[in-house]
Amino acid sequence: MAIRVNIDVMLAKRKMSVGELADRIGITPVNVSVLKNGRAKAIRFTTLDRLCAALDCQPGDVLEYVED
């Protein structure tokens, strides 16, 4: 897939754990890991909104298009 997920980069920049992010956005740590590892097939805009709010970033900081 040409979409790269950079949640791990943002977590490192914010010195935040997967568990802390999961608590802040209201999903399980397992689901955060699925998103973080690029195994998710889709993401809800509400989840993306909460991710950006929790990580104080823009959607483009979390998701990136990389041509294959």
N, C-alpha and C. Protein backbone atom coordinates (compact mmCIF):
# COMPACT_ATOMS: atom_id res chain seq x y z
N MET A 1 0.85 -1.18 0.00
CA MET A 1 0.00 0.00 0.00
C MET A 1 0.89 1.24 0.00
N ALA A 2 0.45 2.25 -0.67
CA ALA A 2 1.24 3.47 -0.82
C ALA A 2 1.05 4.46 0.33
N ILE A 3 0.21 4.13 1.31
CA ILE A 3 0.00 5.02 2.46
C ILE A 3 0.89 4.55 3.61
N ARG A 4 1.74 5.43 4.08
CA ARG A 4 2.61 5.12 5.22
C ARG A 4 2.03 5.81 6.45
N VAL A 5 1.99 5.07 7.55
CA VAL A 5 1.47 5.60 8.81
C VAL A 5 2.66 5.94 9.71
N ASN A 6 2.71 7.16 10.18
CA ASN A 6 3.84 7.65 10.97
C ASN A 6 3.49 7.88 12.44
N ILE A 7 2.58 7.09 12.97
CA ILE A 7 2.20 7.26 14.38
C ILE A 7 3.39 7.01 15.29
N ASP A 8 4.22 6.02 14.96
CA ASP A 8 5.38 5.73 15.80
C ASP A 8 6.33 6.92 15.89
N VAL A 9 6.49 7.64 14.78
CA VAL A 9 7.35 8.83 14.77
C VAL A 9 6.76 9.90 15.68
N MET A 10 5.45 10.10 15.56
CA MET A 10 4.80 11.12 16.37
C MET A 10 4.82 10.74 17.86
N LEU A 11 4.65 9.46 18.17
CA LEU A 11 4.73 9.02 19.56
C LEU A 11 6.12 9.30 20.13
N ALA A 12 7.15 9.01 19.36
CA ALA A 12 8.52 9.25 19.82
C ALA A 12 8.76 10.75 20.04
N LYS A 13 8.29 11.57 19.11
CA LYS A 13 8.46 13.03 19.25
C LYS A 13 7.76 13.56 20.49
N ARG A 14 6.62 12.97 20.81
CA ARG A 14 5.82 13.44 21.96
C ARG A 14 6.18 12.70 23.25
N LYS A 15 7.10 11.72 23.14
CA LYS A 15 7.48 10.89 24.30
C LYS A 15 6.24 10.29 24.96
N MET A 16 5.41 9.68 24.13
CA MET A 16 4.13 9.13 24.56
C MET A 16 4.10 7.63 24.25
N SER A 17 3.50 6.85 25.12
CA SER A 17 3.38 5.41 24.89
C SER A 17 2.11 5.10 24.10
N VAL A 18 2.07 3.90 23.56
CA VAL A 18 0.87 3.43 22.85
C VAL A 18 -0.31 3.41 23.81
N GLY A 19 -0.09 2.97 25.03
CA GLY A 19 -1.17 2.91 26.02
C GLY A 19 -1.73 4.29 26.36
N GLU A 20 -0.84 5.25 26.50
CA GLU A 20 -1.29 6.61 26.80
C GLU A 20 -2.08 7.19 25.63
N LEU A 21 -1.60 6.97 24.41
CA LEU A 21 -2.33 7.45 23.24
C LEU A 21 -3.69 6.78 23.15
N ALA A 22 -3.74 5.48 23.39
CA ALA A 22 -5.00 4.75 23.34
C ALA A 22 -6.01 5.34 24.34
N ASP A 23 -5.54 5.63 25.55
CA ASP A 23 -6.42 6.24 26.56
C ASP A 23 -6.94 7.60 26.10
N ARG A 24 -6.06 8.40 25.49
CA ARG A 24 -6.44 9.75 25.08
C ARG A 24 -7.44 9.75 23.93
N ILE A 25 -7.35 8.75 23.02
CA ILE A 25 -8.23 8.77 21.85
C ILE A 25 -9.40 7.80 21.96
N GLY A 26 -9.42 7.00 23.02
CA GLY A 26 -10.58 6.16 23.27
C GLY A 26 -10.64 4.87 22.46
N ILE A 27 -9.48 4.32 22.10
CA ILE A 27 -9.46 3.00 21.45
C ILE A 27 -8.48 2.12 22.21
N THR A 28 -8.49 0.84 21.94
CA THR A 28 -7.62 -0.08 22.66
C THR A 28 -6.17 0.05 22.20
N PRO A 29 -5.23 -0.28 23.06
CA PRO A 29 -3.83 -0.29 22.65
C PRO A 29 -3.57 -1.22 21.45
N VAL A 30 -4.30 -2.32 21.39
CA VAL A 30 -4.16 -3.23 20.25
C VAL A 30 -4.55 -2.53 18.96
N ASN A 31 -5.63 -1.76 18.98
CA ASN A 31 -6.06 -1.05 17.77
C ASN A 31 -5.09 0.07 17.41
N VAL A 32 -4.48 0.72 18.41
CA VAL A 32 -3.45 1.71 18.11
C VAL A 32 -2.28 1.02 17.42
N SER A 33 -1.90 -0.16 17.91
CA SER A 33 -0.79 -0.91 17.29
C SER A 33 -1.12 -1.31 15.86
N VAL A 34 -2.35 -1.70 15.61
CA VAL A 34 -2.78 -2.05 14.25
C VAL A 34 -2.62 -0.84 13.33
N LEU A 35 -3.04 0.32 13.80
CA LEU A 35 -2.88 1.55 13.02
C LEU A 35 -1.40 1.88 12.85
N LYS A 36 -0.65 1.83 13.94
CA LYS A 36 0.76 2.21 13.95
C LYS A 36 1.59 1.35 13.01
N ASN A 37 1.25 0.07 12.93
CA ASN A 37 2.03 -0.86 12.11
C ASN A 37 1.54 -0.94 10.66
N GLY A 38 0.56 -0.11 10.31
CA GLY A 38 0.08 -0.06 8.93
C GLY A 38 -0.75 -1.25 8.52
N ARG A 39 -1.31 -1.97 9.50
CA ARG A 39 -2.13 -3.15 9.18
C ARG A 39 -3.61 -2.83 9.07
N ALA A 40 -3.99 -1.60 9.37
CA ALA A 40 -5.41 -1.21 9.28
C ALA A 40 -5.79 -1.01 7.83
N LYS A 41 -7.00 -1.39 7.49
CA LYS A 41 -7.52 -1.20 6.13
C LYS A 41 -8.19 0.16 5.96
N ALA A 42 -8.58 0.76 7.09
CA ALA A 42 -9.27 2.05 7.04
C ALA A 42 -9.12 2.74 8.39
N ILE A 43 -9.39 4.04 8.40
CA ILE A 43 -9.41 4.80 9.65
C ILE A 43 -10.58 5.77 9.57
N ARG A 44 -11.33 5.86 10.64
CA ARG A 44 -12.45 6.80 10.69
C ARG A 44 -11.92 8.22 10.85
N PHE A 45 -12.62 9.17 10.26
CA PHE A 45 -12.21 10.56 10.42
C PHE A 45 -12.25 10.98 11.88
N THR A 46 -13.19 10.43 12.65
CA THR A 46 -13.25 10.79 14.08
C THR A 46 -12.01 10.29 14.81
N THR A 47 -11.51 9.12 14.43
CA THR A 47 -10.29 8.59 15.04
C THR A 47 -9.09 9.43 14.62
N LEU A 48 -9.02 9.79 13.35
CA LEU A 48 -7.94 10.64 12.86
C LEU A 48 -7.97 12.00 13.57
N ASP A 49 -9.17 12.54 13.76
CA ASP A 49 -9.33 13.81 14.48
C ASP A 49 -8.79 13.70 15.90
N ARG A 50 -9.15 12.62 16.60
CA ARG A 50 -8.67 12.43 17.98
C ARG A 50 -7.16 12.19 18.02
N LEU A 51 -6.63 11.46 17.02
CA LEU A 51 -5.18 11.25 16.93
C LEU A 51 -4.45 12.58 16.81
N CYS A 52 -4.93 13.42 15.91
CA CYS A 52 -4.30 14.72 15.69
C CYS A 52 -4.39 15.60 16.93
N ALA A 53 -5.52 15.57 17.61
CA ALA A 53 -5.69 16.35 18.83
C ALA A 53 -4.74 15.86 19.92
N ALA A 54 -4.66 14.54 20.10
CA ALA A 54 -3.82 13.96 21.15
C ALA A 54 -2.34 14.17 20.87
N LEU A 55 -1.95 14.11 19.59
CA LEU A 55 -0.54 14.24 19.22
C LEU A 55 -0.17 15.67 18.83
N ASP A 56 -1.15 16.57 18.87
CA ASP A 56 -0.94 17.97 18.49
C ASP A 56 -0.25 18.06 17.13
N CYS A 57 -0.92 17.48 16.12
CA CYS A 57 -0.32 17.43 14.78
C CYS A 57 -1.41 17.55 13.72
N GLN A 58 -0.99 17.54 12.48
CA GLN A 58 -1.89 17.59 11.33
C GLN A 58 -2.03 16.18 10.75
N PRO A 59 -3.12 15.90 10.01
CA PRO A 59 -3.28 14.57 9.41
C PRO A 59 -2.08 14.17 8.55
N GLY A 60 -1.46 15.12 7.87
CA GLY A 60 -0.30 14.82 7.04
C GLY A 60 0.93 14.43 7.84
N ASP A 61 0.93 14.71 9.13
CA ASP A 61 2.02 14.27 10.00
C ASP A 61 1.88 12.79 10.35
N VAL A 62 0.64 12.31 10.31
CA VAL A 62 0.35 10.92 10.68
C VAL A 62 0.30 10.01 9.46
N LEU A 63 -0.27 10.50 8.36
CA LEU A 63 -0.42 9.71 7.14
C LEU A 63 0.39 10.34 6.01
N GLU A 64 1.04 9.49 5.23
CA GLU A 64 1.89 9.98 4.15
C GLU A 64 1.71 9.07 2.93
N TYR A 65 1.61 9.68 1.76
CA TYR A 65 1.53 8.91 0.51
C TYR A 65 2.93 8.74 -0.04
N VAL A 66 3.32 7.48 -0.24
CA VAL A 66 4.64 7.16 -0.80
C VAL A 66 4.41 6.24 -1.99
N GLU A 67 4.76 6.73 -3.16
CA GLU A 67 4.54 5.95 -4.37
C GLU A 67 5.37 4.67 -4.34
N ASP A 68 4.75 3.57 -4.71
CA ASP A 68 5.45 2.27 -4.75
C ASP A 68 6.50 2.21 -5.82
